[in-house]
Protein backbone atom coordinates (compact mmCIF):
# COMPACT_ATOMS: atom_id res chain seq x y z
CA MET A 1 33.20 -43.81 3.27
CA ARG A 2 30.29 -42.20 1.43
CA ILE A 3 28.32 -41.85 4.63
CA PHE A 4 31.14 -39.85 6.22
CA VAL A 5 31.32 -37.50 3.25
CA PHE A 6 27.55 -37.06 3.35
CA LEU A 7 27.57 -36.37 7.11
CA ALA A 8 30.44 -33.88 6.75
CA ALA A 9 28.63 -32.01 3.96
CA PHE A 10 25.40 -32.05 5.98
CA MET A 11 27.17 -30.60 9.04
CA VAL A 12 28.75 -27.82 6.96
CA LEU A 13 25.33 -26.92 5.55
CA LEU A 14 23.79 -26.83 9.02
CA MET A 15 26.50 -24.42 10.21
CA LEU A 16 25.86 -22.09 7.26
CA ILE A 17 22.11 -21.75 7.83
CA PRO A 18 22.33 -19.42 10.89
CA GLY A 19 24.88 -17.27 9.06
CA VAL A 20 22.58 -16.79 6.08
CA HIS A 21 19.67 -15.85 8.36
CA ALA A 22 21.77 -13.27 10.21
CA GLN A 23 22.86 -11.63 6.96
CA ASN A 24 19.22 -11.11 5.84
CA GLU A 25 18.03 -9.62 9.13
CA VAL A 26 17.03 -5.97 8.97
CA THR A 27 18.68 -3.39 11.21
CA TYR A 28 16.50 -0.40 11.98
CA PRO A 29 18.06 3.04 12.49
CA THR A 30 18.30 4.60 15.92
CA ILE A 31 15.93 7.54 16.37
CA THR A 32 16.31 10.12 19.12
CA ILE A 33 13.10 11.48 20.60
CA HIS A 34 12.61 14.31 23.05
CA MET A 35 9.86 13.63 25.57
CA ILE A 36 7.55 16.28 26.97
CA ASP A 37 9.47 16.34 30.27
CA GLY A 38 12.74 17.16 28.46
CA LYS A 39 14.29 13.69 28.60
CA GLU A 40 15.83 12.15 25.51
CA TYR A 41 15.21 8.56 24.52
CA GLN A 42 16.94 6.49 21.88
CA ILE A 43 14.70 4.13 19.95
CA THR A 44 17.21 1.49 18.97
CA ASP A 45 16.95 -1.50 16.68
CA GLN A 46 16.01 -3.74 19.61
CA ILE A 47 13.21 -1.40 20.75
CA TRP A 48 11.79 -1.35 17.22
CA LYS A 49 11.91 -5.15 17.04
CA ASN A 50 10.85 -6.03 20.59
CA LEU A 51 8.37 -3.29 21.48
CA ILE A 52 7.02 -1.23 18.58
CA TYR A 53 6.61 -3.76 15.75
CA PRO A 54 4.99 -6.43 17.98
CA ILE A 55 2.40 -3.87 19.09
CA LEU A 56 1.76 -2.94 15.47
CA TYR A 57 1.38 -6.62 14.55
CA SER A 58 -1.29 -7.10 17.23
CA ARG A 59 -4.91 -6.82 16.13
CA THR A 60 -5.31 -3.75 18.35
CA ILE A 61 -3.82 -1.43 15.76
CA THR A 62 -4.59 -3.03 12.41
CA THR A 63 -6.59 -5.93 11.02
CA TYR A 64 -4.05 -6.67 8.28
CA ASN A 65 -1.39 -9.31 8.99
CA TRP A 66 1.72 -7.14 8.62
CA SER A 67 4.04 -9.71 10.19
CA SER A 68 3.82 -11.89 7.07
CA ASP A 69 3.99 -9.01 4.59
CA PRO A 70 7.41 -8.60 2.91
CA ASN A 71 7.07 -4.79 3.08
CA HIS A 72 6.55 -4.66 6.87
CA THR A 73 10.06 -3.22 7.22
CA TYR A 74 8.97 0.05 5.61
CA ILE A 75 5.92 0.84 7.74
CA PHE A 76 7.83 3.52 9.67
CA PHE A 77 10.94 3.97 7.51
CA ASP A 78 11.86 5.10 4.01
CA TYR A 79 13.07 2.51 1.51
CA SER A 80 16.73 3.14 2.38
CA LEU A 81 16.08 2.42 6.09
CA LYS A 82 18.03 5.55 6.99
CA GLY A 83 15.15 7.81 8.01
CA LEU A 84 11.46 7.93 8.80
CA ASN A 85 8.61 8.18 6.31
CA ALA A 86 5.53 10.35 6.98
CA PHE A 87 3.84 7.72 9.14
CA GLY A 88 7.02 7.24 11.17
CA VAL A 89 7.39 10.99 11.71
CA GLN A 90 3.81 11.30 12.97
CA PHE A 91 4.39 8.31 15.24
CA ILE A 92 7.49 9.92 16.77
CA PHE A 93 5.61 13.21 17.27
CA ALA A 94 2.85 11.28 19.04
CA LEU A 95 5.38 9.49 21.28
CA GLU A 96 6.95 12.78 22.34
CA ARG A 97 3.73 13.69 24.17
CA TYR A 98 4.56 11.14 26.88
CA ASN A 99 7.16 10.95 29.65
CA ASN A 100 8.49 7.46 28.90
CA LEU A 101 8.62 4.70 26.37
CA THR A 102 6.42 1.81 27.49
CA PHE A 103 3.98 -0.67 26.01
CA ALA A 104 1.06 1.61 26.92
CA THR A 105 2.56 4.80 25.49
CA VAL A 106 3.55 3.12 22.22
CA THR A 107 0.04 1.66 21.91
CA ASP A 108 -1.56 5.06 22.62
CA ALA A 109 0.70 6.77 20.09
CA LEU A 110 -0.13 4.20 17.40
CA LEU A 111 -3.86 4.48 18.11
CA TYR A 112 -3.59 8.27 17.84
CA VAL A 113 -1.59 8.22 14.59
CA LYS A 114 -3.82 5.69 12.86
CA ASN A 115 -6.67 8.25 12.87
CA LEU A 116 -4.61 11.01 11.24
CA PRO A 117 -5.02 11.76 7.52
CA SER A 118 -2.39 10.12 5.33
CA LEU A 119 -0.56 11.43 2.29
CA ILE A 120 -3.14 9.72 0.08
CA PRO A 121 -6.23 11.96 -0.02
CA GLY A 122 -9.35 10.48 1.51
CA TYR A 123 -7.57 7.87 3.63
CA THR A 124 -6.30 7.82 7.19
CA PHE A 125 -3.12 6.01 8.20
CA GLY A 126 -5.25 3.34 9.89
CA GLN A 127 -7.33 2.69 6.77
CA LEU A 128 -4.17 2.19 4.75
CA LEU A 129 -2.71 -0.13 7.38
CA ASN A 130 -5.90 -2.21 7.36
CA MET A 131 -5.77 -2.49 3.57
CA GLY A 132 -2.16 -3.68 3.61
CA VAL A 133 -0.82 -0.47 2.06
CA LEU A 134 2.34 1.21 3.35
CA PRO A 135 0.96 4.32 5.03
CA GLY A 136 3.98 6.63 4.82
CA PHE A 137 4.36 6.89 1.06
CA PRO A 138 2.27 9.05 -1.30
CA ASN A 139 2.93 6.94 -4.41
CA VAL A 140 1.68 3.51 -3.33
CA ASN A 141 -1.12 1.68 -5.11
CA ILE A 142 -4.31 1.19 -3.18
CA LYS A 143 -5.34 -2.44 -3.13
CA HIS A 144 -9.05 -2.45 -3.75
CA THR A 145 -10.34 -5.15 -1.46
CA GLN A 146 -14.07 -4.55 -1.89
CA PRO A 147 -15.86 -7.61 -3.22
CA THR A 148 -17.39 -7.56 -6.68
CA PRO A 149 -21.14 -6.91 -6.54
CA PHE A 150 -23.18 -9.98 -7.38
CA TYR A 151 -24.78 -8.42 -10.44
CA LEU A 152 -21.26 -8.07 -11.96
CA SER A 153 -20.09 -11.56 -11.05
CA GLY A 154 -19.65 -14.40 -13.52
CA PRO A 155 -22.43 -16.69 -12.22
CA PHE A 156 -25.01 -13.90 -12.32
CA ILE A 157 -24.09 -12.94 -15.88
CA PHE A 158 -24.19 -16.62 -16.97
CA ILE A 159 -27.65 -17.14 -15.42
CA LEU A 160 -28.92 -13.91 -16.98
CA VAL A 161 -27.65 -14.94 -20.44
CA MET A 162 -29.29 -18.37 -20.07
CA ILE A 163 -32.67 -16.87 -19.11
CA VAL A 164 -32.60 -14.34 -21.93
CA SER A 165 -31.56 -16.99 -24.47
CA VAL A 166 -34.42 -19.29 -23.37
CA PHE A 167 -36.94 -16.48 -23.91
CA ILE A 168 -35.43 -15.60 -27.30
CA LEU A 169 -35.38 -19.24 -28.43
CA TYR A 170 -38.97 -19.75 -27.23
CA PHE A 171 -40.28 -16.86 -29.29
CA VAL A 172 -38.12 -17.66 -32.34
CA PHE A 173 -38.95 -21.37 -32.61
CA ASN A 174 -42.51 -21.30 -31.26
CA LYS A 175 -44.15 -19.52 -34.20
CA LYS A 176 -47.41 -21.06 -35.30
């Protein structure tokens, strides 16, 4: 009897797992763009998920692994997911220079936008993407990823203290 109760509970849990995953999935807003030839295109949720974000996740655009970052949702959008942030706006402007929405045009637009100056002085959008910083927001913290110079590292300071202490002890205790 216990095995049947266990199996029934296990089956109910298995049925709930896909429902939980579907509730947490992000839905991107639909953006209308006007191409250079006058045509209008709708960038829907599926185009964001199946065309634009996979290109951004490739190592062609950025060296940072955005696909595993919890903030990847906000690369193009504001925090409410209702509109575009500054990076998203520049990306849409870059896309409007083309006649269609393809893998090549999206890649070209992203390569163009990554070289534009960002809202953070001294950084381009591409530099911020490579550092793992959301590029469309002016108030984000820059993650300093430069390594500590060796002369400021713990082992160097320890070795320096040991050498200096040996010299001091030699001259203090070696008085004749």
